[in-house]
């Protein structure tokens, strides 16, 4: 079964938290698919990952860039894995019917949005019923993560 970690954003927006999580994934030698809720969001994240930190570099691309198989991080709205990723990041409420194909999945949701919180709870129940290994991480005021039980 896939290990699925829920990341509850409270202090930082996705644009600040996601690059840090992607750095750790790439640092661990993993390939990643990031599913976003819209094409506009994909393009926004694509631009952000080039400039989020002048001392860091996250190799990535989207359909607009092409060459998916060469991209360690693939940004998309589609439920696809064209770069052979083992990690899946789901943002903006994006859902995948292929979570079980990945080693790990990351459900990142906005804790300041009641609808997003309720949707995350529903996905938790669905994943639990399917037998996936679940973890819940809550963001602290300084942006680090605390694992909750």
Protein backbone atom coordinates (compact mmCIF):
# COMPACT_ATOMS: atom_id res chain seq x y z
CA UNK A 1 0.00 0.00 0.00
CA UNK A 2 1.00 3.58 -0.55
CA UNK A 3 2.13 5.78 2.31
CA UNK A 4 -0.08 8.88 2.19
CA UNK A 5 0.84 11.97 4.20
CA UNK A 6 -1.61 14.80 4.73
CA UNK A 7 0.03 18.21 5.04
CA UNK A 8 -2.22 20.75 6.74
CA UNK A 9 -1.15 24.26 5.71
CA UNK A 10 -1.84 26.84 8.41
CA UNK A 11 0.96 29.41 8.41
CA UNK A 12 2.42 29.30 4.93
CA UNK A 13 0.64 29.17 1.59
CA UNK A 14 1.26 26.35 -0.86
CA UNK A 15 3.68 28.53 -2.81
CA UNK A 16 6.02 28.71 0.18
CA UNK A 17 5.57 25.17 1.55
CA UNK A 18 5.62 23.11 -1.67
CA UNK A 19 9.14 24.03 -2.82
CA UNK A 20 10.59 22.94 0.54
CA UNK A 21 8.81 19.57 0.33
CA UNK A 22 9.97 19.14 -3.26
CA UNK A 23 13.57 19.91 -2.26
CA UNK A 24 13.45 17.05 0.26
CA UNK A 25 11.96 14.68 -2.30
CA UNK A 26 14.53 15.49 -4.97
CA UNK A 27 17.27 15.38 -2.32
CA UNK A 28 16.17 11.81 -1.55
CA UNK A 29 16.59 10.93 -5.23
CA UNK A 30 12.86 10.71 -5.96
CA UNK A 31 10.97 11.75 -9.07
CA UNK A 32 7.74 13.65 -8.47
CA UNK A 33 4.39 14.41 -10.08
CA UNK A 34 2.57 17.49 -8.73
CA UNK A 35 -1.13 17.56 -9.59
CA UNK A 36 -2.73 20.99 -9.33
CA UNK A 37 -6.33 22.09 -9.58
CA UNK A 38 -6.03 24.17 -12.76
CA UNK A 39 -3.80 24.93 -15.72
CA UNK A 40 -3.30 28.43 -14.35
CA UNK A 41 -2.02 26.96 -11.08
CA UNK A 42 0.36 24.65 -12.96
CA UNK A 43 1.82 27.59 -14.84
CA UNK A 44 2.02 29.66 -11.65
CA UNK A 45 3.92 26.86 -9.87
CA UNK A 46 6.11 26.35 -12.92
CA UNK A 47 7.18 30.01 -12.80
CA UNK A 48 7.53 29.99 -9.00
CA UNK A 49 9.88 26.99 -8.90
CA UNK A 50 12.42 28.90 -11.03
CA UNK A 51 12.60 31.87 -8.66
CA UNK A 52 11.48 30.80 -5.16
CA UNK A 53 15.04 30.76 -3.77
CA UNK A 54 18.12 32.19 -5.48
CA UNK A 55 20.31 29.53 -3.85
CA UNK A 56 18.18 26.54 -4.85
CA UNK A 57 17.22 24.82 -8.07
CA UNK A 58 14.37 22.39 -8.65
CA UNK A 59 14.45 20.83 -12.12
CA UNK A 60 10.85 20.69 -13.33
CA UNK A 61 8.50 21.11 -16.24
CA UNK A 62 4.93 20.91 -17.46
CA UNK A 63 3.13 20.05 -20.70
CA UNK A 64 4.00 23.53 -21.95
CA UNK A 65 7.71 22.65 -21.60
CA UNK A 66 7.49 19.08 -22.91
CA UNK A 67 10.02 16.27 -22.44
CA UNK A 68 8.15 14.83 -19.46
CA UNK A 69 10.42 11.79 -19.20
CA UNK A 70 13.40 14.11 -18.60
CA UNK A 71 11.75 16.12 -15.83
CA UNK A 72 12.42 15.07 -12.20
CA UNK A 73 9.35 17.12 -11.20
CA UNK A 74 6.31 17.11 -13.49
CA UNK A 75 3.55 19.68 -12.95
CA UNK A 76 0.12 18.75 -14.31
CA UNK A 77 -3.64 18.81 -13.93
CA UNK A 78 -3.92 15.31 -15.40
CA UNK A 79 -3.84 12.01 -13.54
CA UNK A 80 -0.64 10.91 -15.26
CA UNK A 81 2.89 9.80 -14.49
CA UNK A 82 4.92 10.56 -17.63
CA UNK A 83 8.23 10.98 -15.78
CA UNK A 84 8.23 7.67 -13.86
CA UNK A 85 7.66 9.38 -10.51
CA UNK A 86 7.46 7.48 -7.25
CA UNK A 87 6.07 10.46 -5.29
CA UNK A 88 2.73 12.17 -5.98
CA UNK A 89 1.81 15.60 -4.61
CA UNK A 90 -1.89 16.50 -4.71
CA UNK A 91 -2.71 20.19 -4.32
CA UNK A 92 -5.81 22.36 -4.66
CA UNK A 93 -8.08 19.38 -4.02
CA UNK A 94 -6.75 17.51 -7.07
CA UNK A 95 -7.59 13.81 -6.89
CA UNK A 96 -5.87 10.80 -8.40
CA UNK A 97 -7.29 7.39 -9.11
CA UNK A 98 -3.71 6.10 -9.27
CA UNK A 99 -2.48 6.83 -5.73
CA UNK A 100 -1.73 3.13 -5.27
CA UNK A 101 0.81 3.27 -8.11
CA UNK A 102 3.12 5.50 -6.07
CA UNK A 103 5.49 4.80 -3.19
CA UNK A 104 4.28 7.95 -1.39
CA UNK A 105 1.53 10.50 -1.89
CA UNK A 106 1.27 13.93 -0.29
CA UNK A 107 -2.14 15.55 0.19
CA UNK A 108 -1.49 19.25 0.76
CA UNK A 109 -4.51 21.28 1.83
CA UNK A 110 -5.28 24.78 3.09
CA UNK A 111 -6.27 24.63 6.75
CA UNK A 112 -7.83 28.08 6.48
CA UNK A 113 -10.42 26.83 3.97
CA UNK A 114 -13.25 24.89 5.65
CA UNK A 115 -14.16 23.17 2.38
CA UNK A 116 -10.59 22.02 1.82
CA UNK A 117 -10.41 20.66 5.37
CA UNK A 118 -13.65 18.71 4.95
CA UNK A 119 -12.51 17.34 1.58
CA UNK A 120 -9.22 16.23 3.18
CA UNK A 121 -11.16 14.44 5.91
CA UNK A 122 -13.22 12.64 3.26
CA UNK A 123 -10.08 11.58 1.38
CA UNK A 124 -8.53 10.38 4.68
CA UNK A 125 -11.54 8.11 5.26
CA UNK A 126 -11.41 6.81 1.68
CA UNK A 127 -7.68 6.06 1.86
CA UNK A 128 -8.02 4.43 5.27
CA UNK A 129 -10.81 2.17 4.01
CA UNK A 130 -8.56 1.17 1.10
CA UNK A 131 -5.82 0.13 3.54
CA UNK A 132 -3.22 2.80 2.82
CA UNK A 133 -0.74 3.83 5.53
CA UNK A 134 -1.69 7.35 6.64
CA UNK A 135 0.12 10.18 8.41
CA UNK A 136 -0.98 13.67 9.36
CA UNK A 137 1.43 16.63 9.49
CA UNK A 138 0.34 20.01 10.80
CA UNK A 139 2.22 23.17 9.98
CA UNK A 140 3.59 25.14 12.91
CA UNK A 141 3.57 28.96 13.08
CA UNK A 142 7.16 29.07 11.78
CA UNK A 143 6.37 26.80 8.82
CA UNK A 144 7.94 23.57 10.05
CA UNK A 145 5.89 20.39 10.32
CA UNK A 146 4.70 18.51 13.39
CA UNK A 147 3.46 14.96 13.06
CA UNK A 148 0.16 14.41 14.86
CA UNK A 149 -1.51 11.18 15.85
